[in-house]
Amino acid sequence: MKLGRLFGFLALVAGGIFTYIGYGMMETTGSVVKFFLAAPVFTLIGLAMLFFPGGDITTTESKNKTKDPKVWINEAPKSHKAAWLIAGVIGFIISINIFNI
């Protein structure tokens, strides 16, 4: 498994949990802790990382220190970095609309 896909999966899970908690807080109390505004950003960046995993490094290479983990971001093609950026911006726009900021 590529390291970028692992990060994408973790961000997707964290984003899903934060979105659920943030939306639940908004429904029950009418307010949201500002930290939960990043939930849709995590979700969409995680999804983007699943499809655009970045540099060529696997989790085994990272764990065994045969490659520097910075390879994941340093060697990522510009198209992957652009996809992450676009996903983050769309997630921010969604969070503003969902949480009524």
PDB file of N, CA and C in Angstrom:
ATOM      1  N   MET A   1       0.848  -1.175   0.000  1.00  0.00           N
ATOM      2  CA  MET A   1       0.000   0.000   0.000  1.00  0.00           C
ATOM      3  C   MET A   1       0.893   1.237   0.000  1.00  0.00           C
ATOM      4  N   LYS A   2       0.536   2.192  -0.830  1.00  0.00           N
ATOM      5  CA  LYS A   2       1.306   3.428  -0.869  1.00  0.00           C
ATOM      6  C   LYS A   2       1.019   4.262   0.374  1.00  0.00           C
ATOM      7  N   LEU A   3       2.024   4.999   0.801  1.00  0.00           N
ATOM      8  CA  LEU A   3       1.909   5.817   2.005  1.00  0.00           C
ATOM      9  C   LEU A   3       0.825   6.876   1.844  1.00  0.00           C
ATOM     10  N   GLY A   4       0.708   7.463   0.657  1.00  0.00           N
ATOM     11  CA  GLY A   4      -0.313   8.478   0.410  1.00  0.00           C
ATOM     12  C   GLY A   4      -1.721   7.924   0.543  1.00  0.00           C
ATOM     13  N   ARG A   5      -1.917   6.676   0.121  1.00  0.00           N
ATOM     14  CA  ARG A   5      -3.246   6.056   0.256  1.00  0.00           C
ATOM     15  C   ARG A   5      -3.574   5.807   1.725  1.00  0.00           C
ATOM     16  N   LEU A   6      -2.576   5.428   2.513  1.00  0.00           N
ATOM     17  CA  LEU A   6      -2.798   5.249   3.945  1.00  0.00           C
ATOM     18  C   LEU A   6      -3.197   6.571   4.590  1.00  0.00           C
ATOM     19  N   PHE A   7      -2.467   7.645   4.271  1.00  0.00           N
ATOM     20  CA  PHE A   7      -2.823   8.966   4.797  1.00  0.00           C
ATOM     21  C   PHE A   7      -4.215   9.370   4.340  1.00  0.00           C
ATOM     22  N   GLY A   8      -4.558   9.052   3.094  1.00  0.00           N
ATOM     23  CA  GLY A   8      -5.881   9.360   2.572  1.00  0.00           C
ATOM     24  C   GLY A   8      -6.969   8.629   3.318  1.00  0.00           C
ATOM     25  N   PHE A   9      -6.747   7.350   3.587  1.00  0.00           N
ATOM     26  CA  PHE A   9      -7.737   6.571   4.333  1.00  0.00           C
ATOM     27  C   PHE A   9      -7.916   7.121   5.746  1.00  0.00           C
ATOM     28  N   LEU A  10      -6.805   7.437   6.410  1.00  0.00           N
ATOM     29  CA  LEU A  10      -6.889   7.982   7.769  1.00  0.00           C
ATOM     30  C   LEU A  10      -7.588   9.338   7.790  1.00  0.00           C
ATOM     31  N   ALA A  11      -7.297  10.184   6.806  1.00  0.00           N
ATOM     32  CA  ALA A  11      -7.960  11.492   6.734  1.00  0.00           C
ATOM     33  C   ALA A  11      -9.444  11.335   6.437  1.00  0.00           C
ATOM     34  N   LEU A  12      -9.797  10.362   5.609  1.00  0.00           N
ATOM     35  CA  LEU A  12     -11.197  10.113   5.289  1.00  0.00           C
ATOM     36  C   LEU A  12     -11.968   9.655   6.523  1.00  0.00           C
ATOM     37  N   VAL A  13     -11.388   8.753   7.284  1.00  0.00           N
ATOM     38  CA  VAL A  13     -12.041   8.274   8.508  1.00  0.00           C
ATOM     39  C   VAL A  13     -12.163   9.407   9.532  1.00  0.00           C
ATOM     40  N   ALA A  14     -11.074  10.146   9.738  1.00  0.00           N
ATOM     41  CA  ALA A  14     -11.113  11.264  10.696  1.00  0.00           C
ATOM     42  C   ALA A  14     -12.121  12.321  10.257  1.00  0.00           C
ATOM     43  N   GLY A  15     -12.152  12.629   8.969  1.00  0.00           N
ATOM     44  CA  GLY A  15     -13.100  13.607   8.452  1.00  0.00           C
ATOM     45  C   GLY A  15     -14.536  13.162   8.628  1.00  0.00           C
ATOM     46  N   GLY A  16     -14.791  11.897   8.404  1.00  0.00           N
ATOM     47  CA  GLY A  16     -16.143  11.366   8.610  1.00  0.00           C
ATOM     48  C   GLY A  16     -16.584  11.461  10.061  1.00  0.00           C
ATOM     49  N   ILE A  17     -15.698  11.123  10.956  1.00  0.00           N
ATOM     50  CA  ILE A  17     -16.022  11.196  12.388  1.00  0.00           C
ATOM     51  C   ILE A  17     -16.242  12.644  12.806  1.00  0.00           C
ATOM     52  N   PHE A  18     -15.352  13.542  12.386  1.00  0.00           N
ATOM     53  CA  PHE A  18     -15.497  14.954  12.757  1.00  0.00           C
ATOM     54  C   PHE A  18     -16.748  15.575  12.145  1.00  0.00           C
ATOM     55  N   THR A  19     -17.095  15.181  10.924  1.00  0.00           N
ATOM     56  CA  THR A  19     -18.316  15.697  10.302  1.00  0.00           C
ATOM     57  C   THR A  19     -19.544  15.245  11.077  1.00  0.00           C
ATOM     58  N   TYR A  20     -19.563  13.987  11.457  1.00  0.00           N
ATOM     59  CA  TYR A  20     -20.694  13.452  12.221  1.00  0.00           C
ATOM     60  C   TYR A  20     -20.834  14.177  13.566  1.00  0.00           C
ATOM     61  N   ILE A  21     -19.733  14.355  14.273  1.00  0.00           N
ATOM     62  CA  ILE A  21     -19.781  15.027  15.574  1.00  0.00           C
ATOM     63  C   ILE A  21     -20.169  16.495  15.410  1.00  0.00           C
ATOM     64  N   GLY A  22     -19.567  17.173  14.437  1.00  0.00           N
ATOM     65  CA  GLY A  22     -19.859  18.590  14.216  1.00  0.00           C
ATOM     66  C   GLY A  22     -21.296  18.826  13.816  1.00  0.00           C
ATOM     67  N   TYR A  23     -21.808  17.989  12.917  1.00  0.00           N
ATOM     68  CA  TYR A  23     -23.201  18.160  12.486  1.00  0.00           C
ATOM     69  C   TYR A  23     -24.153  17.843  13.631  1.00  0.00           C
ATOM     70  N   GLY A  24     -23.811  16.832  14.435  1.00  0.00           N
ATOM     71  CA  GLY A  24     -24.630  16.510  15.606  1.00  0.00           C
ATOM     72  C   GLY A  24     -24.643  17.653  16.604  1.00  0.00           C
ATOM     73  N   MET A  25     -23.501  18.293  16.813  1.00  0.00           N
ATOM     74  CA  MET A  25     -23.446  19.443  17.720  1.00  0.00           C
ATOM     75  C   MET A  25     -24.295  20.593  17.191  1.00  0.00           C
ATOM     76  N   MET A  26     -24.251  20.801  15.890  1.00  0.00           N
ATOM     77  CA  MET A  26     -25.018  21.893  15.301  1.00  0.00           C
ATOM     78  C   MET A  26     -26.518  21.639  15.453  1.00  0.00           C
ATOM     79  N   GLU A  27     -26.941  20.398  15.282  1.00  0.00           N
ATOM     80  CA  GLU A  27     -28.355  20.064  15.395  1.00  0.00           C
ATOM     81  C   GLU A  27     -28.858  20.169  16.829  1.00  0.00           C
ATOM     82  N   THR A  28     -28.043  19.767  17.807  1.00  0.00           N
ATOM     83  CA  THR A  28     -28.515  19.750  19.193  1.00  0.00           C
ATOM     84  C   THR A  28     -28.324  21.075  19.910  1.00  0.00           C
ATOM     85  N   THR A  29     -27.174  21.709  19.736  1.00  0.00           N
ATOM     86  CA  THR A  29     -26.894  22.935  20.490  1.00  0.00           C
ATOM     87  C   THR A  29     -26.996  24.194  19.644  1.00  0.00           C
ATOM     88  N   GLY A  30     -26.970  24.047  18.341  1.00  0.00           N
ATOM     89  CA  GLY A  30     -27.034  25.210  17.467  1.00  0.00           C
ATOM     90  C   GLY A  30     -25.691  25.875  17.239  1.00  0.00           C
ATOM     91  N   SER A  31     -24.635  25.343  17.830  1.00  0.00           N
ATOM     92  CA  SER A  31     -23.300  25.905  17.611  1.00  0.00           C
ATOM     93  C   SER A  31     -22.309  24.773  17.385  1.00  0.00           C
ATOM     94  N   VAL A  32     -21.177  25.125  16.810  1.00  0.00           N
ATOM     95  CA  VAL A  32     -20.154  24.141  16.492  1.00  0.00           C
ATOM     96  C   VAL A  32     -18.814  24.675  16.955  1.00  0.00           C
ATOM     97  N   VAL A  33     -18.008  23.820  17.566  1.00  0.00           N
ATOM     98  CA  VAL A  33     -16.649  24.177  17.914  1.00  0.00           C
ATOM     99  C   VAL A  33     -15.887  24.381  16.603  1.00  0.00           C
ATOM    100  N   LYS A  34     -15.116  25.443  16.523  1.00  0.00           N
ATOM    101  CA  LYS A  34     -14.457  25.807  15.260  1.00  0.00           C
ATOM    102  C   LYS A  34     -13.568  24.697  14.702  1.00  0.00           C
ATOM    103  N   PHE A  35     -13.077  23.825  15.564  1.00  0.00           N
ATOM    104  CA  PHE A  35     -12.230  22.723  15.113  1.00  0.00           C
ATOM    105  C   PHE A  35     -12.971  21.830  14.113  1.00  0.00           C
ATOM    106  N   PHE A  36     -14.265  21.664  14.308  1.00  0.00           N
ATOM    107  CA  PHE A  36     -15.031  20.754  13.461  1.00  0.00           C
ATOM    108  C   PHE A  36     -15.316  21.332  12.073  1.00  0.00           C
ATOM    109  N   LEU A  37     -14.969  22.597  11.852  1.00  0.00           N
ATOM    110  CA  LEU A  37     -15.120  23.169  10.512  1.00  0.00           C
ATOM    111  C   LEU A  37     -14.179  22.498   9.514  1.00  0.00           C
ATOM    112  N   ALA A  38     -13.103  21.921   9.998  1.00  0.00           N
ATOM    113  CA  ALA A  38     -12.136  21.268   9.119  1.00  0.00           C
ATOM    114  C   ALA A  38     -12.567  19.866   8.712  1.00  0.00           C
ATOM    115  N   ALA A  39     -13.667  19.366   9.239  1.00  0.00           N
ATOM    116  CA  ALA A  39     -14.094  17.997   8.962  1.00  0.00           C
ATOM    117  C   ALA A  39     -14.319  17.718   7.477  1.00  0.00           C
ATOM    118  N   PRO A  40     -15.084  18.542   6.742  1.00  0.00           N
ATOM    119  CA  PRO A  40     -15.227  18.263   5.309  1.00  0.00           C
ATOM    120  C   PRO A  40     -13.915  18.403   4.545  1.00  0.00           C
ATOM    121  N   VAL A  41     -13.023  19.243   5.031  1.00  0.00           N
ATOM    122  CA  VAL A  41     -11.706  19.379   4.391  1.00  0.00           C
ATOM    123  C   VAL A  41     -10.939  18.066   4.526  1.00  0.00           C
ATOM    124  N   PHE A  42     -10.922  17.494   5.737  1.00  0.00           N
ATOM    125  CA  PHE A  42     -10.265  16.197   5.949  1.00  0.00           C
ATOM    126  C   PHE A  42     -10.880  15.137   5.039  1.00  0.00           C
ATOM    127  N   THR A  43     -12.193  15.110   4.958  1.00  0.00           N
ATOM    128  CA  THR A  43     -12.882  14.089   4.176  1.00  0.00           C
ATOM    129  C   THR A  43     -12.510  14.180   2.704  1.00  0.00           C
ATOM    130  N   LEU A  44     -12.572  15.367   2.141  1.00  0.00           N
ATOM    131  CA  LEU A  44     -12.290  15.499   0.711  1.00  0.00           C
ATOM    132  C   LEU A  44     -10.809  15.350   0.386  1.00  0.00           C
ATOM    133  N   ILE A  45      -9.935  15.817   1.259  1.00  0.00           N
ATOM    134  CA  ILE A  45      -8.504  15.605   1.012  1.00  0.00           C
ATOM    135  C   ILE A  45      -8.184  14.113   1.114  1.00  0.00           C
ATOM    136  N   GLY A  46      -8.805  13.433   2.061  1.00  0.00           N
ATOM    137  CA  GLY A  46      -8.616  11.985   2.174  1.00  0.00           C
ATOM    138  C   GLY A  46      -9.058  11.262   0.919  1.00  0.00           C
ATOM    139  N   LEU A  47     -10.191  11.665   0.377  1.00  0.00           N
ATOM    140  CA  LEU A  47     -10.683  11.070  -0.861  1.00  0.00           C
ATOM    141  C   LEU A  47      -9.719  11.358  -2.013  1.00  0.00           C
ATOM    142  N   ALA A  48      -9.221  12.587  -2.080  1.00  0.00           N
ATOM    143  CA  ALA A  48      -8.268  12.945  -3.138  1.00  0.00           C
ATOM    144  C   ALA A  48      -6.980  12.138  -3.011  1.00  0.00           C
ATOM    145  N   MET A  49      -6.531  11.889  -1.790  1.00  0.00           N
ATOM    146  CA  MET A  49      -5.297  11.131  -1.595  1.00  0.00           C
ATOM    147  C   MET A  49      -5.466   9.663  -1.948  1.00  0.00           C
ATOM    148  N   LEU A  50      -6.683   9.150  -1.856  1.00  0.00           N
ATOM    149  CA  LEU A  50      -6.903   7.771  -2.284  1.00  0.00           C
ATOM    150  C   LEU A  50      -6.715   7.637  -3.793  1.00  0.00           C
ATOM    151  N   PHE A  51      -7.148   8.629  -4.549  1.00  0.00           N
ATOM    152  CA  PHE A  51      -7.025   8.582  -6.001  1.00  0.00           C
ATOM    153  C   PHE A  51      -5.697   9.148  -6.505  1.00  0.00           C
ATOM    154  N   PHE A  52      -5.103  10.079  -5.755  1.00  0.00           N
ATOM    155  CA  PHE A  52      -3.827  10.709  -6.113  1.00  0.00           C
ATOM    156  C   PHE A  52      -2.867  10.549  -4.931  1.00  0.00           C
ATOM    157  N   PRO A  53      -2.179   9.393  -4.817  1.00  0.00           N
ATOM    158  CA  PRO A  53      -1.428   9.072  -3.601  1.00  0.00           C
ATOM    159  C   PRO A  53      -0.089   9.780  -3.417  1.00  0.00           C
ATOM    160  N   GLY A  54       0.377  10.526  -4.370  1.00  0.00           N
ATOM    161  CA  GLY A  54       1.634  11.252  -4.178  1.00  0.00           C
ATOM    162  C   GLY A  54       2.842  10.468  -4.653  1.00  0.00           C
ATOM    163  N   GLY A  55       3.979  10.696  -3.980  1.00  0.00           N
ATOM    164  CA  GLY A  55       5.249  10.079  -4.370  1.00  0.00           C
ATOM    165  C   GLY A  55       5.256   8.575  -4.224  1.00  0.00           C
ATOM    166  N   ASP A  56       6.260   7.949  -4.827  1.00  0.00           N
ATOM    167  CA  ASP A  56       6.353   6.492  -4.873  1.00  0.00           C
ATOM    168  C   ASP A  56       7.062   5.966  -3.631  1.00  0.00           C
ATOM    169  N   ILE A  57       6.294   5.737  -2.582  1.00  0.00           N
ATOM    170  CA  ILE A  57       6.822   5.141  -1.357  1.00  0.00           C
ATOM    171  C   ILE A  57       5.717   4.287  -0.756  1.00  0.00           C
ATOM    172  N   THR A  58       6.098   3.108  -0.291  1.00  0.00           N
ATOM    173  CA  THR A  58       5.121   2.225   0.331  1.00  0.00           C
ATOM    174  C   THR A  58       5.230   2.329   1.851  1.00  0.00           C
ATOM    175  N   THR A  59       4.237   1.796   2.535  1.00  0.00           N
ATOM    176  CA  THR A  59       4.267   1.833   3.995  1.00  0.00           C
ATOM    177  C   THR A  59       5.434   1.012   4.536  1.00  0.00           C
ATOM    178  N   THR A  60       5.780  -0.080   3.865  1.00  0.00           N
ATOM    179  CA  THR A  60       6.901  -0.910   4.304  1.00  0.00           C
ATOM    180  C   THR A  60       8.216  -0.152   4.177  1.00  0.00           C
ATOM    181  N   GLU A  61       8.399   0.556   3.071  1.00  0.00           N
ATOM    182  CA  GLU A  61       9.623   1.341   2.886  1.00  0.00           C
ATOM    183  C   GLU A  61       9.724   2.444   3.927  1.00  0.00           C
ATOM    184  N   SER A  62       8.608   3.019   4.284  1.00  0.00           N
ATOM    185  CA  SER A  62       8.614   4.067   5.306  1.00  0.00           C
ATOM    186  C   SER A  62       8.937   3.484   6.680  1.00  0.00           C
ATOM    187  N   LYS A  63       8.336   2.334   6.975  1.00  0.00           N
ATOM    188  CA  LYS A  63       8.554   1.710   8.281  1.00  0.00           C
ATOM    189  C   LYS A  63       9.992   1.237   8.447  1.00  0.00           C
ATOM    190  N   ASN A  64      10.556   0.675   7.392  1.00  0.00           N
ATOM    191  CA  ASN A  64      11.933   0.156   7.449  1.00  0.00           C
ATOM    192  C   ASN A  64      12.976   1.236   7.208  1.00  0.00           C
ATOM    193  N   LYS A  65      12.547   2.452   6.956  1.00  0.00           N
ATOM    194  CA  LYS A  65      13.430   3.602   6.727  1.00  0.00           C
ATOM    195  C   LYS A  65      14.330   3.419   5.506  1.00  0.00           C
ATOM    196  N   THR A  66      13.877   2.644   4.515  1.00  0.00           N
ATOM    197  CA  THR A  66      14.658   2.514   3.292  1.00  0.00           C
ATOM    198  C   THR A  66      14.475   3.732   2.397  1.00  0.00           C
ATOM    199  N   LYS A  67      13.361   4.436   2.557  1.00  0.00           N
ATOM    200  CA  LYS A  67      13.125   5.696   1.859  1.00  0.00           C
ATOM    201  C   LYS A  67      12.656   6.722   2.885  1.00  0.00           C
ATOM    202  N   ASP A  68      13.006   7.946   2.641  1.00  0.00           N
ATOM    203  CA  ASP A  68      12.587   9.032   3.520  1.00  0.00           C
ATOM    204  C   ASP A  68      11.086   9.278   3.315  1.00  0.00           C
ATOM    205  N   PRO A  69      10.297   9.380   4.389  1.00  0.00           N
ATOM    206  CA  PRO A  69       8.857   9.620   4.235  1.00  0.00           C
ATOM    207  C   PRO A  69       8.524  10.921   3.504  1.00  0.00           C
ATOM    208  N   LYS A  70       9.474  11.851   3.440  1.00  0.00           N
ATOM    209  CA  LYS A  70       9.229  13.097   2.714  1.00  0.00           C
ATOM    210  C   LYS A  70       9.053  12.859   1.216  1.00  0.00           C
ATOM    211  N   VAL A  71       9.463  11.689   0.746  1.00  0.00           N
ATOM    212  CA  VAL A  71       9.305  11.340  -0.666  1.00  0.00           C
ATOM    213  C   VAL A  71       7.835  11.423  -1.064  1.00  0.00           C
ATOM    214  N   TRP A  72       6.955  11.098  -0.114  1.00  0.00           N
ATOM    215  CA  TRP A  72       5.517  11.112  -0.377  1.00  0.00           C
ATOM    216  C   TRP A  72       5.068  12.466  -0.914  1.00  0.00           C
ATOM    217  N   ILE A  73       5.570  13.547  -0.362  1.00  0.00           N
ATOM    218  CA  ILE A  73       5.144  14.875  -0.807  1.00  0.00           C
ATOM    219  C   ILE A  73       6.143  15.508  -1.774  1.00  0.00           C
ATOM    220  N   ASN A  74       7.439  15.251  -1.568  1.00  0.00           N
ATOM    221  CA  ASN A  74       8.455  15.891  -2.419  1.00  0.00           C
ATOM    222  C   ASN A  74       8.425  15.380  -3.856  1.00  0.00           C
ATOM    223  N   GLU A  75       8.158  14.103  -4.043  1.00  0.00           N
ATOM    224  CA  GLU A  75       8.150  13.521  -5.379  1.00  0.00           C
ATOM    225  C   GLU A  75       6.749  13.391  -5.968  1.00  0.00           C
ATOM    226  N   ALA A  76       5.766  13.949  -5.299  1.00  0.00           N
ATOM    227  CA  ALA A  76       4.396  13.892  -5.815  1.00  0.00           C
ATOM    228  C   ALA A  76       4.288  14.749  -7.074  1.00  0.00           C
ATOM    229  N   PRO A  77       3.624  14.239  -8.096  1.00  0.00           N
ATOM    230  CA  PRO A  77       3.435  15.055  -9.301  1.00  0.00           C
ATOM    231  C   PRO A  77       2.592  16.298  -8.990  1.00  0.00           C
ATOM    232  N   LYS A  78       2.777  17.313  -9.783  1.00  0.00           N
ATOM    233  CA  LYS A  78       2.033  18.555  -9.554  1.00  0.00           C
ATOM    234  C   LYS A  78       0.531  18.347  -9.686  1.00  0.00           C
ATOM    235  N   SER A  79       0.135  17.396 -10.512  1.00  0.00           N
ATOM    236  CA  SER A  79      -1.299  17.124 -10.659  1.00  0.00           C
ATOM    237  C   SER A  79      -1.885  16.581  -9.357  1.00  0.00           C
ATOM    238  N   HIS A  80      -1.107  15.781  -8.627  1.00  0.00           N
ATOM    239  CA  HIS A  80      -1.580  15.254  -7.347  1.00  0.00           C
ATOM    240  C   HIS A  80      -1.703  16.382  -6.327  1.00  0.00           C
ATOM    241  N   LYS A  81      -0.695  17.240  -6.285  1.00  0.00           N
ATOM    242  CA  LYS A  81      -0.739  18.367  -5.347  1.00  0.00           C
ATOM    243  C   LYS A  81      -1.901  19.300  -5.678  1.00  0.00           C
ATOM    244  N   ALA A  82      -2.164  19.500  -6.957  1.00  0.00           N
ATOM    245  CA  ALA A  82      -3.290  20.349  -7.373  1.00  0.00           C
ATOM    246  C   ALA A  82      -4.613  19.711  -6.955  1.00  0.00           C
ATOM    247  N   ALA A  83      -4.725  18.391  -7.093  1.00  0.00           N
ATOM    248  CA  ALA A  83      -5.954  17.699  -6.684  1.00  0.00           C
ATOM    249  C   ALA A  83      -6.167  17.837  -5.185  1.00  0.00           C
ATOM    250  N   TRP A  84      -5.106  17.740  -4.392  1.00  0.00           N
ATOM    251  CA  TRP A  84      -5.235  17.905  -2.940  1.00  0.00           C
ATOM    252  C   TRP A  84      -5.689  19.311  -2.593  1.00  0.00           C
ATOM    253  N   LEU A  85      -5.108  20.305  -3.275  1.00  0.00           N
ATOM    254  CA  LEU A  85      -5.466  21.697  -3.026  1.00  0.00           C
ATOM    255  C   LEU A  85      -6.931  21.971  -3.396  1.00  0.00           C
ATOM    256  N   ILE A  86      -7.345  21.499  -4.553  1.00  0.00           N
ATOM    257  CA  ILE A  86      -8.730  21.704  -4.981  1.00  0.00           C
ATOM    258  C   ILE A  86      -9.696  21.023  -4.018  1.00  0.00           C
ATOM    259  N   ALA A  87      -9.367  19.806  -3.585  1.00  0.00           N
ATOM    260  CA  ALA A  87     -10.224  19.101  -2.630  1.00  0.00           C
ATOM    261  C   ALA A  87     -10.318  19.865  -1.311  1.00  0.00           C
ATOM    262  N   GLY A  88      -9.214  20.423  -0.846  1.00  0.00           N
ATOM    263  CA  GLY A  88      -9.221  21.192   0.389  1.00  0.00           C
ATOM    264  C   GLY A  88     -10.078  22.448   0.286  1.00  0.00           C
ATOM    265  N   VAL A  89      -9.984  23.144  -0.840  1.00  0.00           N
ATOM    266  CA  VAL A  89     -10.776  24.361  -1.037  1.00  0.00           C
ATOM    267  C   VAL A  89     -12.266  24.014  -1.116  1.00  0.00           C
ATOM    268  N   ILE A  90     -12.608  22.959  -1.850  1.00  0.00           N
ATOM    269  CA  ILE A  90     -14.006  22.548  -1.933  1.00  0.00           C
ATOM    270  C   ILE A  90     -14.521  22.132  -0.557  1.00  0.00           C
ATOM    271  N   GLY A  91     -13.705  21.425   0.213  1.00  0.00           N
ATOM    272  CA  GLY A  91     -14.093  21.033   1.571  1.00  0.00           C
ATOM    273  C   GLY A  91     -14.329  22.240   2.464  1.00  0.00           C
ATOM    274  N   PHE A  92     -13.496  23.264   2.317  1.00  0.00           N
ATOM    275  CA  PHE A  92     -13.678  24.485   3.110  1.00  0.00           C
ATOM    276  C   PHE A  92     -14.982  25.180   2.728  1.00  0.00           C
ATOM    277  N   ILE A  93     -15.272  25.256   1.445  1.00  0.00           N
ATOM    278  CA  ILE A  93     -16.522  25.882   1.002  1.00  0.00           C
ATOM    279  C   ILE A  93     -17.727  25.098   1.523  1.00  0.00           C
ATOM    280  N   ILE A  94     -17.651  23.781   1.478  1.00  0.00           N
ATOM    281  CA  ILE A  94     -18.746  22.951   1.996  1.00  0.00           C
ATOM    282  C   ILE A  94     -18.917  23.175   3.487  1.00  0.00           C
ATOM    283  N   SER A  95     -17.813  23.248   4.229  1.00  0.00           N
ATOM    284  CA  SER A  95     -17.918  23.427   5.688  1.00  0.00           C
ATOM    285  C   SER A  95     -18.551  24.774   6.029  1.00  0.00           C
ATOM    286  N   ILE A  96     -18.258  25.797   5.261  1.00  0.00           N
ATOM    287  CA  ILE A  96     -18.869  27.099   5.510  1.00  0.00           C
ATOM    288  C   ILE A  96     -20.378  27.035   5.259  1.00  0.00           C
ATOM    289  N   ASN A  97     -20.787  26.327   4.207  1.00  0.00           N
ATOM    290  CA  ASN A  97     -22.212  26.225   3.883  1.00  0.00           C
ATOM    291  C   ASN A  97     -22.965  25.321   4.841  1.00  0.00           C
ATOM    292  N   ILE A  98     -22.374  24.185   5.222  1.00  0.00           N
ATOM    293  CA  ILE A  98     -23.066  23.251   6.128  1.00  0.00           C
ATOM    294  C   ILE A  98     -23.201  23.833   7.522  1.00  0.00           C
ATOM    295  N   PHE A  99     -22.132  24.402   8.028  1.00  0.00           N
ATOM    296  CA  PHE A  99     -22.132  24.872   9.409  1.00  0.00           C
ATOM    297  C   PHE A  99     -22.561  26.324   9.560  1.00  0.00           C
ATOM    298  N   ASN A 100     -23.062  26.906   8.479  1.00  0.00           N
ATOM    299  CA  ASN A 100     -23.636  28.267   8.501  1.00  0.00           C
ATOM    300  C   ASN A 100     -22.725  29.306   9.163  1.00  0.00           C
ATOM    301  N   ILE A 101     -21.533  29.422   8.642  1.00  0.00           N
ATOM    302  CA  ILE A 101     -20.594  30.410   9.187  1.00  0.00           C
ATOM    303  C   ILE A 101     -20.782  31.731   8.479  1.00  0.00           C
TER     304      ILE A 101
END
